[in-house]
ModelCIF file with pLDDT and N, C-alpha, C, O atoms, coordinates in Angstrom:
data_MODEL
#
_entry.id   MODEL 
#
_entity.id                         1 
_entity.type                       polymer 
_entity.pdbx_number_of_molecules   1 
#
_entity_poly.entity_id                      1 
_entity_poly.type                           'polypeptide(L)' 
_entity_poly.nstd_linkage                   no 
_entity_poly.nstd_monomer                   no 
_entity_poly.pdbx_seq_one_letter_code       LMSFLTAGEPEVRAWTIKKGTKAPQAAGKIHSDIERGFIRAEIVS 
_entity_poly.pdbx_seq_one_letter_code_can   LMSFLTAGEPEVRAWTIKKGTKAPQAAGKIHSDIERGFIRAEIVS 
_entity_poly.pdbx_strand_id                 A 
#
loop_
_entity_poly_seq.entity_id 
_entity_poly_seq.num 
_entity_poly_seq.mon_id 
_entity_poly_seq.hetero 
1 1  LEU n 
1 2  MET n 
1 3  SER n 
1 4  PHE n 
1 5  LEU n 
1 6  THR n 
1 7  ALA n 
1 8  GLY n 
1 9  GLU n 
1 10 PRO n 
1 11 GLU n 
1 12 VAL n 
1 13 ARG n 
1 14 ALA n 
1 15 TRP n 
1 16 THR n 
1 17 ILE n 
1 18 LYS n 
1 19 LYS n 
1 20 GLY n 
1 21 THR n 
1 22 LYS n 
1 23 ALA n 
1 24 PRO n 
1 25 GLN n 
1 26 ALA n 
1 27 ALA n 
1 28 GLY n 
1 29 LYS n 
1 30 ILE n 
1 31 HIS n 
1 32 SER n 
1 33 ASP n 
1 34 ILE n 
1 35 GLU n 
1 36 ARG n 
1 37 GLY n 
1 38 PHE n 
1 39 ILE n 
1 40 ARG n 
1 41 ALA n 
1 42 GLU n 
1 43 ILE n 
1 44 VAL n 
1 45 SER n 
#
_struct_asym.id          A 
_struct_asym.entity_id   1 
#
loop_
_ma_qa_metric.id 
_ma_qa_metric.mode 
_ma_qa_metric.name 
_ma_qa_metric.software_group_id 
_ma_qa_metric.type 
1 global pLDDT . pLDDT 
2 local  pLDDT . pLDDT 
#
_ma_qa_metric_global.metric_id      1 
_ma_qa_metric_global.metric_value   95.04 
_ma_qa_metric_global.model_id       1 
_ma_qa_metric_global.ordinal_id     1 
#
loop_
_ma_qa_metric_local.label_asym_id 
_ma_qa_metric_local.label_comp_id 
_ma_qa_metric_local.label_seq_id 
_ma_qa_metric_local.metric_id 
_ma_qa_metric_local.metric_value 
_ma_qa_metric_local.model_id 
_ma_qa_metric_local.ordinal_id 
A LEU 1  2 93.00 1 1  
A MET 2  2 94.00 1 2  
A SER 3  2 95.00 1 3  
A PHE 4  2 97.00 1 4  
A LEU 5  2 97.00 1 5  
A THR 6  2 96.00 1 6  
A ALA 7  2 94.00 1 7  
A GLY 8  2 92.00 1 8  
A GLU 9  2 90.00 1 9  
A PRO 10 2 92.00 1 10 
A GLU 11 2 95.00 1 11 
A VAL 12 2 96.00 1 12 
A ARG 13 2 96.00 1 13 
A ALA 14 2 96.00 1 14 
A TRP 15 2 96.00 1 15 
A THR 16 2 94.00 1 16 
A ILE 17 2 94.00 1 17 
A LYS 18 2 94.00 1 18 
A LYS 19 2 95.00 1 19 
A GLY 20 2 96.00 1 20 
A THR 21 2 97.00 1 21 
A LYS 22 2 97.00 1 22 
A ALA 23 2 97.00 1 23 
A PRO 24 2 97.00 1 24 
A GLN 25 2 97.00 1 25 
A ALA 26 2 96.00 1 26 
A ALA 27 2 96.00 1 27 
A GLY 28 2 95.00 1 28 
A LYS 29 2 93.00 1 29 
A ILE 30 2 93.00 1 30 
A HIS 31 2 93.00 1 31 
A SER 32 2 92.00 1 32 
A ASP 33 2 94.00 1 33 
A ILE 34 2 94.00 1 34 
A GLU 35 2 95.00 1 35 
A ARG 36 2 94.00 1 36 
A GLY 37 2 95.00 1 37 
A PHE 38 2 96.00 1 38 
A ILE 39 2 96.00 1 39 
A ARG 40 2 96.00 1 40 
A ALA 41 2 96.00 1 41 
A GLU 42 2 96.00 1 42 
A ILE 43 2 97.00 1 43 
A VAL 44 2 97.00 1 44 
A SER 45 2 96.00 1 45 
#
loop_
_atom_site.group_PDB 
_atom_site.id 
_atom_site.type_symbol 
_atom_site.label_atom_id 
_atom_site.label_alt_id 
_atom_site.label_comp_id 
_atom_site.label_asym_id 
_atom_site.label_entity_id 
_atom_site.label_seq_id 
_atom_site.pdbx_PDB_ins_code 
_atom_site.Cartn_x 
_atom_site.Cartn_y 
_atom_site.Cartn_z 
_atom_site.occupancy 
_atom_site.B_iso_or_equiv 
_atom_site.pdbx_formal_charge 
_atom_site.auth_seq_id 
_atom_site.auth_comp_id 
_atom_site.auth_asym_id 
_atom_site.auth_atom_id 
_atom_site.pdbx_PDB_model_num 
ATOM 1   N N  . LEU A 1 1  ? -4.058  -0.822  0.219   1.00 93.00 ? 1  LEU A N  1 
ATOM 2   C CA . LEU A 1 1  ? -4.637  -1.480  -0.951  1.00 93.00 ? 1  LEU A CA 1 
ATOM 3   C C  . LEU A 1 1  ? -3.941  -2.801  -1.248  1.00 93.00 ? 1  LEU A C  1 
ATOM 4   O O  . LEU A 1 1  ? -2.800  -3.027  -0.845  1.00 93.00 ? 1  LEU A O  1 
ATOM 5   N N  . MET A 1 2  ? -4.641  -3.654  -1.950  1.00 94.00 ? 2  MET A N  1 
ATOM 6   C CA . MET A 1 2  ? -4.055  -4.891  -2.466  1.00 94.00 ? 2  MET A CA 1 
ATOM 7   C C  . MET A 1 2  ? -4.801  -5.248  -3.748  1.00 94.00 ? 2  MET A C  1 
ATOM 8   O O  . MET A 1 2  ? -5.763  -4.577  -4.122  1.00 94.00 ? 2  MET A O  1 
ATOM 9   N N  . SER A 1 3  ? -4.355  -6.297  -4.411  1.00 95.00 ? 3  SER A N  1 
ATOM 10  C CA . SER A 1 3  ? -4.961  -6.679  -5.690  1.00 95.00 ? 3  SER A CA 1 
ATOM 11  C C  . SER A 1 3  ? -5.427  -8.132  -5.674  1.00 95.00 ? 3  SER A C  1 
ATOM 12  O O  . SER A 1 3  ? -4.721  -9.020  -5.196  1.00 95.00 ? 3  SER A O  1 
ATOM 13  N N  . PHE A 1 4  ? -6.630  -8.359  -6.206  1.00 97.00 ? 4  PHE A N  1 
ATOM 14  C CA . PHE A 1 4  ? -6.990  -9.714  -6.596  1.00 97.00 ? 4  PHE A CA 1 
ATOM 15  C C  . PHE A 1 4  ? -6.897  -9.770  -8.115  1.00 97.00 ? 4  PHE A C  1 
ATOM 16  O O  . PHE A 1 4  ? -6.916  -8.731  -8.776  1.00 97.00 ? 4  PHE A O  1 
ATOM 17  N N  . LEU A 1 5  ? -6.797  -10.958 -8.668  1.00 97.00 ? 5  LEU A N  1 
ATOM 18  C CA . LEU A 1 5  ? -6.494  -11.117 -10.089 1.00 97.00 ? 5  LEU A CA 1 
ATOM 19  C C  . LEU A 1 5  ? -7.579  -11.914 -10.802 1.00 97.00 ? 5  LEU A C  1 
ATOM 20  O O  . LEU A 1 5  ? -8.170  -12.831 -10.233 1.00 97.00 ? 5  LEU A O  1 
ATOM 21  N N  . THR A 1 6  ? -7.829  -11.552 -12.043 1.00 96.00 ? 6  THR A N  1 
ATOM 22  C CA . THR A 1 6  ? -8.637  -12.387 -12.930 1.00 96.00 ? 6  THR A CA 1 
ATOM 23  C C  . THR A 1 6  ? -7.761  -12.750 -14.118 1.00 96.00 ? 6  THR A C  1 
ATOM 24  O O  . THR A 1 6  ? -6.988  -11.919 -14.595 1.00 96.00 ? 6  THR A O  1 
ATOM 25  N N  . ALA A 1 7  ? -7.875  -13.980 -14.598 1.00 94.00 ? 7  ALA A N  1 
ATOM 26  C CA . ALA A 1 7  ? -6.972  -14.452 -15.645 1.00 94.00 ? 7  ALA A CA 1 
ATOM 27  C C  . ALA A 1 7  ? -7.708  -15.329 -16.646 1.00 94.00 ? 7  ALA A C  1 
ATOM 28  O O  . ALA A 1 7  ? -8.482  -16.210 -16.273 1.00 94.00 ? 7  ALA A O  1 
ATOM 29  N N  . GLY A 1 8  ? -7.454  -15.072 -17.912 1.00 92.00 ? 8  GLY A N  1 
ATOM 30  C CA . GLY A 1 8  ? -8.026  -15.858 -18.998 1.00 92.00 ? 8  GLY A CA 1 
ATOM 31  C C  . GLY A 1 8  ? -7.438  -15.384 -20.310 1.00 92.00 ? 8  GLY A C  1 
ATOM 32  O O  . GLY A 1 8  ? -6.629  -14.456 -20.325 1.00 92.00 ? 8  GLY A O  1 
ATOM 33  N N  . GLU A 1 9  ? -7.827  -15.999 -21.401 1.00 90.00 ? 9  GLU A N  1 
ATOM 34  C CA . GLU A 1 9  ? -7.271  -15.628 -22.706 1.00 90.00 ? 9  GLU A CA 1 
ATOM 35  C C  . GLU A 1 9  ? -7.639  -14.193 -23.109 1.00 90.00 ? 9  GLU A C  1 
ATOM 36  O O  . GLU A 1 9  ? -6.805  -13.501 -23.692 1.00 90.00 ? 9  GLU A O  1 
ATOM 37  N N  . PRO A 1 10 ? -8.866  -13.725 -22.816 1.00 92.00 ? 10 PRO A N  1 
ATOM 38  C CA . PRO A 1 10 ? -9.165  -12.343 -23.219 1.00 92.00 ? 10 PRO A CA 1 
ATOM 39  C C  . PRO A 1 10 ? -8.349  -11.311 -22.443 1.00 92.00 ? 10 PRO A C  1 
ATOM 40  O O  . PRO A 1 10 ? -7.876  -10.333 -23.022 1.00 92.00 ? 10 PRO A O  1 
ATOM 41  N N  . GLU A 1 11 ? -8.178  -11.525 -21.111 1.00 95.00 ? 11 GLU A N  1 
ATOM 42  C CA . GLU A 1 11 ? -7.501  -10.504 -20.308 1.00 95.00 ? 11 GLU A CA 1 
ATOM 43  C C  . GLU A 1 11 ? -6.953  -11.090 -19.014 1.00 95.00 ? 11 GLU A C  1 
ATOM 44  O O  . GLU A 1 11 ? -7.582  -11.935 -18.377 1.00 95.00 ? 11 GLU A O  1 
ATOM 45  N N  . VAL A 1 12 ? -5.774  -10.624 -18.646 1.00 96.00 ? 12 VAL A N  1 
ATOM 46  C CA . VAL A 1 12 ? -5.207  -10.841 -17.309 1.00 96.00 ? 12 VAL A CA 1 
ATOM 47  C C  . VAL A 1 12 ? -5.218  -9.483  -16.628 1.00 96.00 ? 12 VAL A C  1 
ATOM 48  O O  . VAL A 1 12 ? -4.719  -8.502  -17.181 1.00 96.00 ? 12 VAL A O  1 
ATOM 49  N N  . ARG A 1 13 ? -5.792  -9.422  -15.419 1.00 96.00 ? 13 ARG A N  1 
ATOM 50  C CA . ARG A 1 13 ? -6.009  -8.103  -14.822 1.00 96.00 ? 13 ARG A CA 1 
ATOM 51  C C  . ARG A 1 13 ? -5.870  -8.120  -13.300 1.00 96.00 ? 13 ARG A C  1 
ATOM 52  O O  . ARG A 1 13 ? -6.234  -9.089  -12.635 1.00 96.00 ? 13 ARG A O  1 
ATOM 53  N N  . ALA A 1 14 ? -5.335  -7.027  -12.771 1.00 96.00 ? 14 ALA A N  1 
ATOM 54  C CA . ALA A 1 14 ? -5.280  -6.807  -11.321 1.00 96.00 ? 14 ALA A CA 1 
ATOM 55  C C  . ALA A 1 14 ? -6.371  -5.810  -10.948 1.00 96.00 ? 14 ALA A C  1 
ATOM 56  O O  . ALA A 1 14 ? -6.526  -4.770  -11.587 1.00 96.00 ? 14 ALA A O  1 
ATOM 57  N N  . TRP A 1 15 ? -7.126  -6.148  -9.898  1.00 96.00 ? 15 TRP A N  1 
ATOM 58  C CA . TRP A 1 15 ? -8.217  -5.291  -9.429  1.00 96.00 ? 15 TRP A CA 1 
ATOM 59  C C  . TRP A 1 15 ? -7.875  -4.755  -8.048  1.00 96.00 ? 15 TRP A C  1 
ATOM 60  O O  . TRP A 1 15 ? -7.470  -5.513  -7.166  1.00 96.00 ? 15 TRP A O  1 
ATOM 61  N N  . THR A 1 16 ? -8.032  -3.479  -7.862  1.00 94.00 ? 16 THR A N  1 
ATOM 62  C CA . THR A 1 16 ? -7.667  -2.836  -6.603  1.00 94.00 ? 16 THR A CA 1 
ATOM 63  C C  . THR A 1 16 ? -8.801  -2.900  -5.600  1.00 94.00 ? 16 THR A C  1 
ATOM 64  O O  . THR A 1 16 ? -9.933  -2.523  -5.902  1.00 94.00 ? 16 THR A O  1 
ATOM 65  N N  . ILE A 1 17 ? -8.487  -3.384  -4.392  1.00 94.00 ? 17 ILE A N  1 
ATOM 66  C CA . ILE A 1 17 ? -9.452  -3.368  -3.292  1.00 94.00 ? 17 ILE A CA 1 
ATOM 67  C C  . ILE A 1 17 ? -8.727  -2.998  -2.008  1.00 94.00 ? 17 ILE A C  1 
ATOM 68  O O  . ILE A 1 17 ? -7.503  -3.105  -1.925  1.00 94.00 ? 17 ILE A O  1 
ATOM 69  N N  . LYS A 1 18 ? -9.481  -2.563  -1.010  1.00 94.00 ? 18 LYS A N  1 
ATOM 70  C CA . LYS A 1 18 ? -8.934  -2.298  0.312   1.00 94.00 ? 18 LYS A CA 1 
ATOM 71  C C  . LYS A 1 18 ? -8.661  -3.628  1.009   1.00 94.00 ? 18 LYS A C  1 
ATOM 72  O O  . LYS A 1 18 ? -9.410  -4.589  0.837   1.00 94.00 ? 18 LYS A O  1 
ATOM 73  N N  . LYS A 1 19 ? -7.596  -3.679  1.791   1.00 95.00 ? 19 LYS A N  1 
ATOM 74  C CA . LYS A 1 19 ? -7.336  -4.867  2.599   1.00 95.00 ? 19 LYS A CA 1 
ATOM 75  C C  . LYS A 1 19 ? -8.513  -5.096  3.541   1.00 95.00 ? 19 LYS A C  1 
ATOM 76  O O  . LYS A 1 19 ? -9.024  -4.153  4.146   1.00 95.00 ? 19 LYS A O  1 
ATOM 77  N N  . GLY A 1 20 ? -8.941  -6.354  3.664   1.00 96.00 ? 20 GLY A N  1 
ATOM 78  C CA . GLY A 1 20 ? -10.087 -6.676  4.506   1.00 96.00 ? 20 GLY A CA 1 
ATOM 79  C C  . GLY A 1 20 ? -11.403 -6.743  3.752   1.00 96.00 ? 20 GLY A C  1 
ATOM 80  O O  . GLY A 1 20 ? -12.442 -6.998  4.361   1.00 96.00 ? 20 GLY A O  1 
ATOM 81  N N  . THR A 1 21 ? -11.390 -6.521  2.433   1.00 97.00 ? 21 THR A N  1 
ATOM 82  C CA . THR A 1 21 ? -12.608 -6.557  1.625   1.00 97.00 ? 21 THR A CA 1 
ATOM 83  C C  . THR A 1 21 ? -13.131 -7.991  1.493   1.00 97.00 ? 21 THR A C  1 
ATOM 84  O O  . THR A 1 21 ? -12.362 -8.926  1.273   1.00 97.00 ? 21 THR A O  1 
ATOM 85  N N  . LYS A 1 22 ? -14.450 -8.147  1.630   1.00 97.00 ? 22 LYS A N  1 
ATOM 86  C CA . LYS A 1 22 ? -15.065 -9.467  1.466   1.00 97.00 ? 22 LYS A CA 1 
ATOM 87  C C  . LYS A 1 22 ? -15.362 -9.740  -0.009  1.00 97.00 ? 22 LYS A C  1 
ATOM 88  O O  . LYS A 1 22 ? -15.406 -8.822  -0.829  1.00 97.00 ? 22 LYS A O  1 
ATOM 89  N N  . ALA A 1 23 ? -15.563 -11.012 -0.326  1.00 97.00 ? 23 ALA A N  1 
ATOM 90  C CA . ALA A 1 23 ? -15.695 -11.453 -1.716  1.00 97.00 ? 23 ALA A CA 1 
ATOM 91  C C  . ALA A 1 23 ? -16.788 -10.713 -2.503  1.00 97.00 ? 23 ALA A C  1 
ATOM 92  O O  . ALA A 1 23 ? -16.518 -10.289 -3.626  1.00 97.00 ? 23 ALA A O  1 
ATOM 93  N N  . PRO A 1 24 ? -18.021 -10.535 -1.965  1.00 97.00 ? 24 PRO A N  1 
ATOM 94  C CA . PRO A 1 24 ? -19.047 -9.845  -2.758  1.00 97.00 ? 24 PRO A CA 1 
ATOM 95  C C  . PRO A 1 24 ? -18.661 -8.412  -3.118  1.00 97.00 ? 24 PRO A C  1 
ATOM 96  O O  . PRO A 1 24 ? -18.935 -7.948  -4.225  1.00 97.00 ? 24 PRO A O  1 
ATOM 97  N N  . GLN A 1 25 ? -18.023 -7.716  -2.178  1.00 97.00 ? 25 GLN A N  1 
ATOM 98  C CA . GLN A 1 25 ? -17.612 -6.331  -2.444  1.00 97.00 ? 25 GLN A CA 1 
ATOM 99  C C  . GLN A 1 25 ? -16.466 -6.284  -3.463  1.00 97.00 ? 25 GLN A C  1 
ATOM 100 O O  . GLN A 1 25 ? -16.370 -5.352  -4.261  1.00 97.00 ? 25 GLN A O  1 
ATOM 101 N N  . ALA A 1 26 ? -15.609 -7.293  -3.423  1.00 96.00 ? 26 ALA A N  1 
ATOM 102 C CA . ALA A 1 26 ? -14.552 -7.391  -4.438  1.00 96.00 ? 26 ALA A CA 1 
ATOM 103 C C  . ALA A 1 26 ? -15.179 -7.599  -5.812  1.00 96.00 ? 26 ALA A C  1 
ATOM 104 O O  . ALA A 1 26 ? -14.752 -7.004  -6.801  1.00 96.00 ? 26 ALA A O  1 
ATOM 105 N N  . ALA A 1 27 ? -16.195 -8.451  -5.857  1.00 96.00 ? 27 ALA A N  1 
ATOM 106 C CA . ALA A 1 27 ? -16.905 -8.680  -7.118  1.00 96.00 ? 27 ALA A CA 1 
ATOM 107 C C  . ALA A 1 27 ? -17.522 -7.387  -7.638  1.00 96.00 ? 27 ALA A C  1 
ATOM 108 O O  . ALA A 1 27 ? -17.584 -7.153  -8.845  1.00 96.00 ? 27 ALA A O  1 
ATOM 109 N N  . GLY A 1 28 ? -17.977 -6.550  -6.704  1.00 95.00 ? 28 GLY A N  1 
ATOM 110 C CA . GLY A 1 28 ? -18.565 -5.268  -7.083  1.00 95.00 ? 28 GLY A CA 1 
ATOM 111 C C  . GLY A 1 28 ? -17.590 -4.331  -7.751  1.00 95.00 ? 28 GLY A C  1 
ATOM 112 O O  . GLY A 1 28 ? -18.007 -3.415  -8.459  1.00 95.00 ? 28 GLY A O  1 
ATOM 113 N N  . LYS A 1 29 ? -16.278 -4.537  -7.543  1.00 93.00 ? 29 LYS A N  1 
ATOM 114 C CA . LYS A 1 29 ? -15.282 -3.723  -8.235  1.00 93.00 ? 29 LYS A CA 1 
ATOM 115 C C  . LYS A 1 29 ? -15.300 -3.992  -9.736  1.00 93.00 ? 29 LYS A C  1 
ATOM 116 O O  . LYS A 1 29 ? -14.967 -3.123  -10.541 1.00 93.00 ? 29 LYS A O  1 
ATOM 117 N N  . ILE A 1 30 ? -15.696 -5.214  -10.097 1.00 93.00 ? 30 ILE A N  1 
ATOM 118 C CA . ILE A 1 30 ? -15.813 -5.538  -11.517 1.00 93.00 ? 30 ILE A CA 1 
ATOM 119 C C  . ILE A 1 30 ? -17.117 -4.985  -12.062 1.00 93.00 ? 30 ILE A C  1 
ATOM 120 O O  . ILE A 1 30 ? -17.138 -4.326  -13.102 1.00 93.00 ? 30 ILE A O  1 
ATOM 121 N N  . HIS A 1 31 ? -18.215 -5.259  -11.346 1.00 93.00 ? 31 HIS A N  1 
ATOM 122 C CA . HIS A 1 31 ? -19.508 -4.680  -11.723 1.00 93.00 ? 31 HIS A CA 1 
ATOM 123 C C  . HIS A 1 31 ? -20.493 -4.837  -10.577 1.00 93.00 ? 31 HIS A C  1 
ATOM 124 O O  . HIS A 1 31 ? -20.498 -5.857  -9.888  1.00 93.00 ? 31 HIS A O  1 
ATOM 125 N N  . SER A 1 32 ? -21.321 -3.833  -10.376 1.00 92.00 ? 32 SER A N  1 
ATOM 126 C CA . SER A 1 32 ? -22.291 -3.861  -9.275  1.00 92.00 ? 32 SER A CA 1 
ATOM 127 C C  . SER A 1 32 ? -23.276 -5.016  -9.418  1.00 92.00 ? 32 SER A C  1 
ATOM 128 O O  . SER A 1 32 ? -23.745 -5.541  -8.408  1.00 92.00 ? 32 SER A O  1 
ATOM 129 N N  . ASP A 1 33 ? -23.607 -5.430  -10.658 1.00 94.00 ? 33 ASP A N  1 
ATOM 130 C CA . ASP A 1 33 ? -24.524 -6.550  -10.861 1.00 94.00 ? 33 ASP A CA 1 
ATOM 131 C C  . ASP A 1 33 ? -23.935 -7.860  -10.342 1.00 94.00 ? 33 ASP A C  1 
ATOM 132 O O  . ASP A 1 33 ? -24.667 -8.736  -9.882  1.00 94.00 ? 33 ASP A O  1 
ATOM 133 N N  . ILE A 1 34 ? -22.609 -7.989  -10.418 1.00 94.00 ? 34 ILE A N  1 
ATOM 134 C CA . ILE A 1 34 ? -21.962 -9.211  -9.941  1.00 94.00 ? 34 ILE A CA 1 
ATOM 135 C C  . ILE A 1 34 ? -22.018 -9.263  -8.418  1.00 94.00 ? 34 ILE A C  1 
ATOM 136 O O  . ILE A 1 34 ? -22.206 -10.330 -7.835  1.00 94.00 ? 34 ILE A O  1 
ATOM 137 N N  . GLU A 1 35 ? -21.855 -8.113  -7.780  1.00 95.00 ? 35 GLU A N  1 
ATOM 138 C CA . GLU A 1 35 ? -21.990 -8.061  -6.316  1.00 95.00 ? 35 GLU A CA 1 
ATOM 139 C C  . GLU A 1 35 ? -23.427 -8.358  -5.908  1.00 95.00 ? 35 GLU A C  1 
ATOM 140 O O  . GLU A 1 35 ? -23.665 -9.112  -4.965  1.00 95.00 ? 35 GLU A O  1 
ATOM 141 N N  . ARG A 1 36 ? -24.374 -7.772  -6.609  1.00 94.00 ? 36 ARG A N  1 
ATOM 142 C CA . ARG A 1 36 ? -25.793 -7.941  -6.269  1.00 94.00 ? 36 ARG A CA 1 
ATOM 143 C C  . ARG A 1 36 ? -26.224 -9.397  -6.418  1.00 94.00 ? 36 ARG A C  1 
ATOM 144 O O  . ARG A 1 36 ? -27.001 -9.901  -5.607  1.00 94.00 ? 36 ARG A O  1 
ATOM 145 N N  . GLY A 1 37 ? -25.722 -10.076 -7.453  1.00 95.00 ? 37 GLY A N  1 
ATOM 146 C CA . GLY A 1 37 ? -26.133 -11.460 -7.702  1.00 95.00 ? 37 GLY A CA 1 
ATOM 147 C C  . GLY A 1 37 ? -25.112 -12.495 -7.251  1.00 95.00 ? 37 GLY A C  1 
ATOM 148 O O  . GLY A 1 37 ? -25.158 -13.650 -7.673  1.00 95.00 ? 37 GLY A O  1 
ATOM 149 N N  . PHE A 1 38 ? -24.186 -12.072 -6.387  1.00 96.00 ? 38 PHE A N  1 
ATOM 150 C CA . PHE A 1 38 ? -23.089 -12.954 -5.958  1.00 96.00 ? 38 PHE A CA 1 
ATOM 151 C C  . PHE A 1 38 ? -23.609 -14.266 -5.367  1.00 96.00 ? 38 PHE A C  1 
ATOM 152 O O  . PHE A 1 38 ? -24.512 -14.270 -4.531  1.00 96.00 ? 38 PHE A O  1 
ATOM 153 N N  . ILE A 1 39 ? -23.024 -15.374 -5.817  1.00 96.00 ? 39 ILE A N  1 
ATOM 154 C CA . ILE A 1 39 ? -23.339 -16.696 -5.261  1.00 96.00 ? 39 ILE A CA 1 
ATOM 155 C C  . ILE A 1 39 ? -22.116 -17.241 -4.518  1.00 96.00 ? 39 ILE A C  1 
ATOM 156 O O  . ILE A 1 39 ? -22.193 -17.575 -3.336  1.00 96.00 ? 39 ILE A O  1 
ATOM 157 N N  . ARG A 1 40 ? -21.010 -17.325 -5.215  1.00 96.00 ? 40 ARG A N  1 
ATOM 158 C CA . ARG A 1 40 ? -19.764 -17.764 -4.572  1.00 96.00 ? 40 ARG A CA 1 
ATOM 159 C C  . ARG A 1 40 ? -18.592 -17.395 -5.482  1.00 96.00 ? 40 ARG A C  1 
ATOM 160 O O  . ARG A 1 40 ? -18.774 -16.943 -6.612  1.00 96.00 ? 40 ARG A O  1 
ATOM 161 N N  . ALA A 1 41 ? -17.398 -17.599 -4.957  1.00 96.00 ? 41 ALA A N  1 
ATOM 162 C CA . ALA A 1 41 ? -16.185 -17.302 -5.713  1.00 96.00 ? 41 ALA A CA 1 
ATOM 163 C C  . ALA A 1 41 ? -15.291 -18.531 -5.735  1.00 96.00 ? 41 ALA A C  1 
ATOM 164 O O  . ALA A 1 41 ? -15.020 -19.129 -4.693  1.00 96.00 ? 41 ALA A O  1 
ATOM 165 N N  . GLU A 1 42 ? -14.838 -18.903 -6.918  1.00 96.00 ? 42 GLU A N  1 
ATOM 166 C CA . GLU A 1 42 ? -13.857 -19.974 -7.042  1.00 96.00 ? 42 GLU A CA 1 
ATOM 167 C C  . GLU A 1 42 ? -12.474 -19.326 -7.015  1.00 96.00 ? 42 GLU A C  1 
ATOM 168 O O  . GLU A 1 42 ? -12.167 -18.474 -7.850  1.00 96.00 ? 42 GLU A O  1 
ATOM 169 N N  . ILE A 1 43 ? -11.644 -19.728 -6.058  1.00 97.00 ? 43 ILE A N  1 
ATOM 170 C CA . ILE A 1 43 ? -10.377 -19.032 -5.812  1.00 97.00 ? 43 ILE A CA 1 
ATOM 171 C C  . ILE A 1 43 ? -9.206  -20.005 -5.754  1.00 97.00 ? 43 ILE A C  1 
ATOM 172 O O  . ILE A 1 43 ? -9.290  -21.076 -5.154  1.00 97.00 ? 43 ILE A O  1 
ATOM 173 N N  . VAL A 1 44 ? -8.116  -19.604 -6.393  1.00 97.00 ? 44 VAL A N  1 
ATOM 174 C CA . VAL A 1 44 ? -6.841  -20.297 -6.253  1.00 97.00 ? 44 VAL A CA 1 
ATOM 175 C C  . VAL A 1 44 ? -5.794  -19.221 -5.989  1.00 97.00 ? 44 VAL A C  1 
ATOM 176 O O  . VAL A 1 44 ? -5.849  -18.141 -6.578  1.00 97.00 ? 44 VAL A O  1 
ATOM 177 N N  . SER A 1 45 ? -4.851  -19.509 -5.114  1.00 96.00 ? 45 SER A N  1 
ATOM 178 C CA . SER A 1 45 ? -3.804  -18.520 -4.851  1.00 96.00 ? 45 SER A CA 1 
ATOM 179 C C  . SER A 1 45 ? -2.846  -18.460 -6.035  1.00 96.00 ? 45 SER A C  1 
ATOM 180 O O  . SER A 1 45 ? -1.888  -17.686 -6.015  1.00 96.00 ? 45 SER A O  1 
#
């Protein structure tokens, strides 16, 4: 397992995914609608 992070004033959070997970499936960990309607991901390390 590993974690991707979301950060903002409402919440800072670590999300658990399997190593090797692609961006749409990672989005699905937050909600299935986000995976279904995925367009792109803005990412900074």
